[in-house]
């Protein structure tokens, strides 16, 4: 009985904090500052799908791979009901690592034709080629180490495998993509709780906007 009371209080406390954060959308914008000096540049793409982001990295053989992270049941198995959403927000659950490989593109605009999933915004970012290759190797190693758990999700157009990190609201898909961006040499500013992104392309106050936006 004492354990259940403590668990309930913990869940209520977490729920209250999440509701406060959800009520502050402007404070949850994450700013990405690409590396100022790049010796051997390569383009990567940050995609905003509305409530979740993904990251596109170059791969071998003229390919690109879109990577994403999320709750296993929600993203991989497609169990997107209210109860599953509650668990994904308030209880640590099995993490999922997704990948979708496709022929390489040369611009952000071309991604809309190359990908079978939609997205609201796309940000083109230049980073060091070596850092992009290193991150790609690390993610691929994580995916391959759990390949026996993998399954295809048609809605997300990606194959998912178990990720060693549990999914929670305080360690969600936006946090993971922000972590990947930092490994690419970018600076991230903001809590990264929600998929609200801005890219500052230089040291001025001008903010990078998605292609086609003023």
C-alpha atoms as a PDB file:
ATOM      1  CA  UNK A   1       0.000   0.000   0.000  1.00  0.00           C
ATOM      2  CA  UNK A   2       2.810   2.440   0.873  1.00  0.00           C
ATOM      3  CA  UNK A   3       4.579   1.582  -2.370  1.00  0.00           C
ATOM      4  CA  UNK A   4       1.432   2.262  -4.413  1.00  0.00           C
ATOM      5  CA  UNK A   5       0.908   5.609  -2.696  1.00  0.00           C
ATOM      6  CA  UNK A   6       4.488   6.640  -3.419  1.00  0.00           C
ATOM      7  CA  UNK A   7       4.149   5.536  -7.045  1.00  0.00           C
ATOM      8  CA  UNK A   8       0.897   7.476  -7.431  1.00  0.00           C
ATOM      9  CA  UNK A   9       2.437  10.613  -5.916  1.00  0.00           C
ATOM     10  CA  UNK A  10       5.420  10.285  -8.196  1.00  0.00           C
ATOM     11  CA  UNK A  11       3.215   9.924 -11.269  1.00  0.00           C
ATOM     12  CA  UNK A  12       1.071  12.890 -10.226  1.00  0.00           C
ATOM     13  CA  UNK A  13       4.167  15.010  -9.653  1.00  0.00           C
ATOM     14  CA  UNK A  14       5.579  14.066 -13.042  1.00  0.00           C
ATOM     15  CA  UNK A  15       2.232  14.728 -14.717  1.00  0.00           C
ATOM     16  CA  UNK A  16       2.019  18.176 -13.118  1.00  0.00           C
ATOM     17  CA  UNK A  17       5.503  19.080 -14.311  1.00  0.00           C
ATOM     18  CA  UNK A  18       4.798  17.864 -17.838  1.00  0.00           C
ATOM     19  CA  UNK A  19       1.577  19.895 -17.962  1.00  0.00           C
ATOM     20  CA  UNK A  20       3.480  23.005 -16.905  1.00  0.00           C
ATOM     21  CA  UNK A  21       6.054  22.430 -19.657  1.00  0.00           C
ATOM     22  CA  UNK A  22       3.329  21.814 -22.223  1.00  0.00           C
ATOM     23  CA  UNK A  23       1.759  25.132 -21.269  1.00  0.00           C
ATOM     24  CA  UNK A  24       4.977  26.990 -22.102  1.00  0.00           C
ATOM     25  CA  UNK A  25       5.523  26.339 -25.831  1.00  0.00           C
ATOM     26  CA  UNK A  26       7.631  29.442 -26.490  1.00  0.00           C
ATOM     27  CA  UNK A  27      10.020  28.437 -23.742  1.00  0.00           C
ATOM     28  CA  UNK A  28      10.471  25.016 -25.280  1.00  0.00           C
ATOM     29  CA  UNK A  29      12.007  26.129 -28.566  1.00  0.00           C
ATOM     30  CA  UNK A  30      15.398  24.566 -29.212  1.00  0.00           C
ATOM     31  CA  UNK A  31      17.983  26.587 -31.112  1.00  0.00           C
ATOM     32  CA  UNK A  32      20.663  24.773 -33.095  1.00  0.00           C
ATOM     33  CA  UNK A  33      23.917  26.592 -33.827  1.00  0.00           C
ATOM     34  CA  UNK A  34      25.986  24.759 -36.483  1.00  0.00           C
ATOM     35  CA  UNK A  35      29.782  24.708 -36.154  1.00  0.00           C
ATOM     36  CA  UNK A  36      31.267  28.041 -37.235  1.00  0.00           C
ATOM     37  CA  UNK A  37      34.240  26.634 -39.143  1.00  0.00           C
ATOM     38  CA  UNK A  38      33.984  23.440 -41.146  1.00  0.00           C
ATOM     39  CA  UNK A  39      37.030  22.113 -43.012  1.00  0.00           C
ATOM     40  CA  UNK A  40      35.385  19.232 -44.890  1.00  0.00           C
ATOM     41  CA  UNK A  41      31.681  20.063 -44.983  1.00  0.00           C
ATOM     42  CA  UNK A  42      28.833  17.653 -45.535  1.00  0.00           C
ATOM     43  CA  UNK A  43      25.115  18.361 -45.401  1.00  0.00           C
ATOM     44  CA  UNK A  44      22.820  16.782 -42.817  1.00  0.00           C
ATOM     45  CA  UNK A  45      19.123  17.486 -42.453  1.00  0.00           C
ATOM     46  CA  UNK A  46      17.009  18.074 -39.362  1.00  0.00           C
ATOM     47  CA  UNK A  47      13.367  17.208 -40.029  1.00  0.00           C
ATOM     48  CA  UNK A  48      10.463  18.417 -37.902  1.00  0.00           C
ATOM     49  CA  UNK A  49       7.467  16.075 -38.229  1.00  0.00           C
ATOM     50  CA  UNK A  50       5.257  18.182 -35.971  1.00  0.00           C
ATOM     51  CA  UNK A  51       5.576  16.361 -32.651  1.00  0.00           C
ATOM     52  CA  UNK A  52       8.831  14.534 -33.279  1.00  0.00           C
ATOM     53  CA  UNK A  53      12.038  15.137 -35.252  1.00  0.00           C
ATOM     54  CA  UNK A  54      14.384  12.935 -37.238  1.00  0.00           C
ATOM     55  CA  UNK A  55      17.920  13.383 -38.531  1.00  0.00           C
ATOM     56  CA  UNK A  56      19.174  12.562 -42.027  1.00  0.00           C
ATOM     57  CA  UNK A  57      22.853  11.608 -42.393  1.00  0.00           C
ATOM     58  CA  UNK A  58      24.893  10.671 -45.475  1.00  0.00           C
ATOM     59  CA  UNK A  59      25.751   6.996 -45.873  1.00  0.00           C
ATOM     60  CA  UNK A  60      27.995   4.896 -48.077  1.00  0.00           C
ATOM     61  CA  UNK A  61      27.141   3.970 -51.633  1.00  0.00           C
ATOM     62  CA  UNK A  62      25.352   7.198 -52.536  1.00  0.00           C
ATOM     63  CA  UNK A  63      22.709   6.680 -49.893  1.00  0.00           C
ATOM     64  CA  UNK A  64      21.284   8.628 -46.964  1.00  0.00           C
ATOM     65  CA  UNK A  65      19.688   7.354 -43.770  1.00  0.00           C
ATOM     66  CA  UNK A  66      16.960   9.006 -41.706  1.00  0.00           C
ATOM     67  CA  UNK A  67      17.304   8.192 -38.012  1.00  0.00           C
ATOM     68  CA  UNK A  68      14.706   8.593 -35.287  1.00  0.00           C
ATOM     69  CA  UNK A  69      14.134   7.636 -31.668  1.00  0.00           C
ATOM     70  CA  UNK A  70      10.996   7.088 -29.631  1.00  0.00           C
ATOM     71  CA  UNK A  71       8.790   4.795 -27.560  1.00  0.00           C
ATOM     72  CA  UNK A  72       8.836   1.211 -28.868  1.00  0.00           C
ATOM     73  CA  UNK A  73       5.107   0.551 -28.706  1.00  0.00           C
ATOM     74  CA  UNK A  74       4.172   3.953 -30.128  1.00  0.00           C
ATOM     75  CA  UNK A  75       6.718   4.239 -32.942  1.00  0.00           C
ATOM     76  CA  UNK A  76       7.637   0.655 -33.818  1.00  0.00           C
ATOM     77  CA  UNK A  77       4.422  -1.250 -33.095  1.00  0.00           C
ATOM     78  CA  UNK A  78       2.045   1.591 -33.869  1.00  0.00           C
ATOM     79  CA  UNK A  79       0.049   1.286 -30.647  1.00  0.00           C
ATOM     80  CA  UNK A  80      -0.939   4.949 -30.515  1.00  0.00           C
ATOM     81  CA  UNK A  81      -3.863   4.935 -28.117  1.00  0.00           C
ATOM     82  CA  UNK A  82      -4.454   7.250 -25.150  1.00  0.00           C
ATOM     83  CA  UNK A  83      -3.210   4.740 -22.560  1.00  0.00           C
ATOM     84  CA  UNK A  84       0.001   4.152 -24.515  1.00  0.00           C
ATOM     85  CA  UNK A  85       0.515   7.893 -24.772  1.00  0.00           C
ATOM     86  CA  UNK A  86       0.131   8.243 -21.006  1.00  0.00           C
ATOM     87  CA  UNK A  87       2.691   5.506 -20.358  1.00  0.00           C
ATOM     88  CA  UNK A  88       5.144   6.984 -22.873  1.00  0.00           C
ATOM     89  CA  UNK A  89       4.942  10.359 -21.122  1.00  0.00           C
ATOM     90  CA  UNK A  90       5.045   9.340 -17.480  1.00  0.00           C
ATOM     91  CA  UNK A  91       6.644   5.881 -17.225  1.00  0.00           C
ATOM     92  CA  UNK A  92      10.066   4.808 -18.571  1.00  0.00           C
ATOM     93  CA  UNK A  93       9.403   2.472 -21.520  1.00  0.00           C
ATOM     94  CA  UNK A  94      11.407   0.531 -24.068  1.00  0.00           C
ATOM     95  CA  UNK A  95      13.222   2.887 -26.438  1.00  0.00           C
ATOM     96  CA  UNK A  96      13.149   2.413 -30.209  1.00  0.00           C
ATOM     97  CA  UNK A  97      15.787   3.332 -32.791  1.00  0.00           C
ATOM     98  CA  UNK A  98      14.488   3.742 -36.326  1.00  0.00           C
ATOM     99  CA  UNK A  99      16.270   3.957 -39.671  1.00  0.00           C
ATOM    100  CA  UNK A 100      15.091   4.559 -43.228  1.00  0.00           C
ATOM    101  CA  UNK A 101      17.614   4.357 -46.081  1.00  0.00           C
ATOM    102  CA  UNK A 102      17.090   6.071 -49.427  1.00  0.00           C
ATOM    103  CA  UNK A 103      19.112   7.462 -52.395  1.00  0.00           C
ATOM    104  CA  UNK A 104      21.070  10.601 -51.523  1.00  0.00           C
ATOM    105  CA  UNK A 105      19.684  14.032 -52.367  1.00  0.00           C
ATOM    106  CA  UNK A 106      21.549  17.302 -52.906  1.00  0.00           C
ATOM    107  CA  UNK A 107      19.112  19.769 -51.342  1.00  0.00           C
ATOM    108  CA  UNK A 108      16.555  20.115 -48.597  1.00  0.00           C
ATOM    109  CA  UNK A 109      13.745  20.617 -51.107  1.00  0.00           C
ATOM    110  CA  UNK A 110      14.562  17.294 -52.789  1.00  0.00           C
ATOM    111  CA  UNK A 111      13.892  15.466 -49.522  1.00  0.00           C
ATOM    112  CA  UNK A 112      10.134  15.904 -49.938  1.00  0.00           C
ATOM    113  CA  UNK A 113      10.241  13.796 -53.094  1.00  0.00           C
ATOM    114  CA  UNK A 114      12.760  11.288 -51.711  1.00  0.00           C
ATOM    115  CA  UNK A 115      10.935  10.454 -48.489  1.00  0.00           C
ATOM    116  CA  UNK A 116       7.658   8.582 -48.173  1.00  0.00           C
ATOM    117  CA  UNK A 117       6.787  10.388 -44.922  1.00  0.00           C
ATOM    118  CA  UNK A 118       5.763  13.989 -44.533  1.00  0.00           C
ATOM    119  CA  UNK A 119       7.361  16.694 -42.424  1.00  0.00           C
ATOM    120  CA  UNK A 120       6.532  20.270 -41.514  1.00  0.00           C
ATOM    121  CA  UNK A 121       9.997  21.806 -41.748  1.00  0.00           C
ATOM    122  CA  UNK A 122      13.473  20.860 -42.886  1.00  0.00           C
ATOM    123  CA  UNK A 123      16.746  22.480 -41.827  1.00  0.00           C
ATOM    124  CA  UNK A 124      19.926  22.014 -43.837  1.00  0.00           C
ATOM    125  CA  UNK A 125      23.057  22.022 -41.661  1.00  0.00           C
ATOM    126  CA  UNK A 126      26.711  21.766 -42.659  1.00  0.00           C
ATOM    127  CA  UNK A 127      28.986  19.788 -40.338  1.00  0.00           C
ATOM    128  CA  UNK A 128      32.370  18.111 -40.488  1.00  0.00           C
ATOM    129  CA  UNK A 129      32.320  15.031 -42.706  1.00  0.00           C
ATOM    130  CA  UNK A 130      34.302  13.002 -40.148  1.00  0.00           C
ATOM    131  CA  UNK A 131      31.824  13.795 -37.366  1.00  0.00           C
ATOM    132  CA  UNK A 132      28.865  12.773 -39.537  1.00  0.00           C
ATOM    133  CA  UNK A 133      30.579   9.505 -40.438  1.00  0.00           C
ATOM    134  CA  UNK A 134      31.428   8.790 -36.791  1.00  0.00           C
ATOM    135  CA  UNK A 135      27.865   9.428 -35.631  1.00  0.00           C
ATOM    136  CA  UNK A 136      26.498   7.251 -38.421  1.00  0.00           C
ATOM    137  CA  UNK A 137      28.812   4.406 -37.383  1.00  0.00           C
ATOM    138  CA  UNK A 138      27.756   4.703 -33.738  1.00  0.00           C
ATOM    139  CA  UNK A 139      24.038   4.658 -34.552  1.00  0.00           C
ATOM    140  CA  UNK A 140      24.448   1.771 -36.978  1.00  0.00           C
ATOM    141  CA  UNK A 141      26.328  -0.226 -34.341  1.00  0.00           C
ATOM    142  CA  UNK A 142      23.500   0.378 -31.869  1.00  0.00           C
ATOM    143  CA  UNK A 143      20.934  -0.713 -34.435  1.00  0.00           C
ATOM    144  CA  UNK A 144      22.852  -3.803 -35.524  1.00  0.00           C
ATOM    145  CA  UNK A 145      23.440  -4.888 -31.924  1.00  0.00           C
ATOM    146  CA  UNK A 146      19.662  -5.201 -31.512  1.00  0.00           C
ATOM    147  CA  UNK A 147      18.873  -6.396 -35.034  1.00  0.00           C
ATOM    148  CA  UNK A 148      17.097  -9.484 -33.689  1.00  0.00           C
ATOM    149  CA  UNK A 149      14.384  -7.186 -32.278  1.00  0.00           C
ATOM    150  CA  UNK A 150      13.847  -5.221 -35.492  1.00  0.00           C
ATOM    151  CA  UNK A 151      10.519  -4.773 -37.235  1.00  0.00           C
ATOM    152  CA  UNK A 152       9.147  -2.594 -40.025  1.00  0.00           C
ATOM    153  CA  UNK A 153       6.559   0.107 -39.345  1.00  0.00           C
ATOM    154  CA  UNK A 154       4.716   1.104 -42.494  1.00  0.00           C
ATOM    155  CA  UNK A 155       3.264   4.307 -41.050  1.00  0.00           C
ATOM    156  CA  UNK A 156       6.688   5.679 -40.156  1.00  0.00           C
ATOM    157  CA  UNK A 157       8.305   4.066 -43.202  1.00  0.00           C
ATOM    158  CA  UNK A 158      11.201   2.856 -41.075  1.00  0.00           C
ATOM    159  CA  UNK A 159      12.670  -0.259 -39.512  1.00  0.00           C
ATOM    160  CA  UNK A 160      12.969  -0.102 -35.731  1.00  0.00           C
ATOM    161  CA  UNK A 161      15.119  -1.973 -33.228  1.00  0.00           C
ATOM    162  CA  UNK A 162      15.380  -1.765 -29.456  1.00  0.00           C
ATOM    163  CA  UNK A 163      17.421   1.160 -28.137  1.00  0.00           C
ATOM    164  CA  UNK A 164      19.347   0.654 -24.867  1.00  0.00           C
ATOM    165  CA  UNK A 165      18.010   3.926 -23.430  1.00  0.00           C
ATOM    166  CA  UNK A 166      14.512   3.902 -21.955  1.00  0.00           C
ATOM    167  CA  UNK A 167      12.076   6.402 -23.412  1.00  0.00           C
ATOM    168  CA  UNK A 168      10.530   9.039 -21.119  1.00  0.00           C
ATOM    169  CA  UNK A 169       9.184  12.548 -21.527  1.00  0.00           C
ATOM    170  CA  UNK A 170      12.446  13.740 -19.969  1.00  0.00           C
ATOM    171  CA  UNK A 171      14.459  11.684 -22.463  1.00  0.00           C
ATOM    172  CA  UNK A 172      12.314  11.782 -25.583  1.00  0.00           C
ATOM    173  CA  UNK A 173      12.846  11.905 -29.340  1.00  0.00           C
ATOM    174  CA  UNK A 174      13.700  15.604 -29.313  1.00  0.00           C
ATOM    175  CA  UNK A 175      16.336  15.136 -26.619  1.00  0.00           C
ATOM    176  CA  UNK A 176      17.903  12.301 -28.608  1.00  0.00           C
ATOM    177  CA  UNK A 177      18.091  14.300 -31.840  1.00  0.00           C
ATOM    178  CA  UNK A 178      19.555  17.251 -29.909  1.00  0.00           C
ATOM    179  CA  UNK A 179      22.168  14.851 -28.507  1.00  0.00           C
ATOM    180  CA  UNK A 180      23.013  13.647 -32.021  1.00  0.00           C
ATOM    181  CA  UNK A 181      23.350  17.239 -33.231  1.00  0.00           C
ATOM    182  CA  UNK A 182      25.812  18.002 -30.439  1.00  0.00           C
ATOM    183  CA  UNK A 183      27.859  14.979 -31.499  1.00  0.00           C
ATOM    184  CA  UNK A 184      28.014  16.599 -34.945  1.00  0.00           C
ATOM    185  CA  UNK A 185      29.624  19.669 -33.403  1.00  0.00           C
ATOM    186  CA  UNK A 186      26.464  21.784 -33.172  1.00  0.00           C
ATOM    187  CA  UNK A 187      25.465  23.737 -30.105  1.00  0.00           C
ATOM    188  CA  UNK A 188      21.902  23.334 -28.851  1.00  0.00           C
ATOM    189  CA  UNK A 189      20.153  25.894 -26.676  1.00  0.00           C
ATOM    190  CA  UNK A 190      16.903  25.111 -24.946  1.00  0.00           C
ATOM    191  CA  UNK A 191      15.274  22.155 -23.188  1.00  0.00           C
ATOM    192  CA  UNK A 192      14.342  20.189 -26.362  1.00  0.00           C
ATOM    193  CA  UNK A 193      11.136  18.860 -24.837  1.00  0.00           C
ATOM    194  CA  UNK A 194       9.064  19.623 -27.943  1.00  0.00           C
ATOM    195  CA  UNK A 195       9.700  19.564 -31.676  1.00  0.00           C
ATOM    196  CA  UNK A 196      10.115  23.325 -32.051  1.00  0.00           C
ATOM    197  CA  UNK A 197      13.409  24.096 -33.766  1.00  0.00           C
ATOM    198  CA  UNK A 198      15.345  27.140 -34.961  1.00  0.00           C
ATOM    199  CA  UNK A 199      18.722  27.038 -36.699  1.00  0.00           C
ATOM    200  CA  UNK A 200      21.039  30.031 -36.365  1.00  0.00           C
ATOM    201  CA  UNK A 201      23.376  29.896 -39.314  1.00  0.00           C
ATOM    202  CA  UNK A 202      25.840  32.569 -38.180  1.00  0.00           C
ATOM    203  CA  UNK A 203      26.814  34.628 -35.136  1.00  0.00           C
ATOM    204  CA  UNK A 204      24.352  37.414 -35.877  1.00  0.00           C
ATOM    205  CA  UNK A 205      20.797  37.624 -34.593  1.00  0.00           C
ATOM    206  CA  UNK A 206      19.438  36.364 -37.908  1.00  0.00           C
ATOM    207  CA  UNK A 207      17.717  33.027 -37.552  1.00  0.00           C
ATOM    208  CA  UNK A 208      17.894  30.323 -40.173  1.00  0.00           C
ATOM    209  CA  UNK A 209      14.521  29.426 -41.625  1.00  0.00           C
ATOM    210  CA  UNK A 210      13.444  26.347 -43.553  1.00  0.00           C
ATOM    211  CA  UNK A 211      13.814  26.632 -47.353  1.00  0.00           C
ATOM    212  CA  UNK A 212      10.990  28.584 -48.903  1.00  0.00           C
ATOM    213  CA  UNK A 213      10.204  30.508 -45.716  1.00  0.00           C
ATOM    214  CA  UNK A 214      10.773  34.271 -45.242  1.00  0.00           C
END
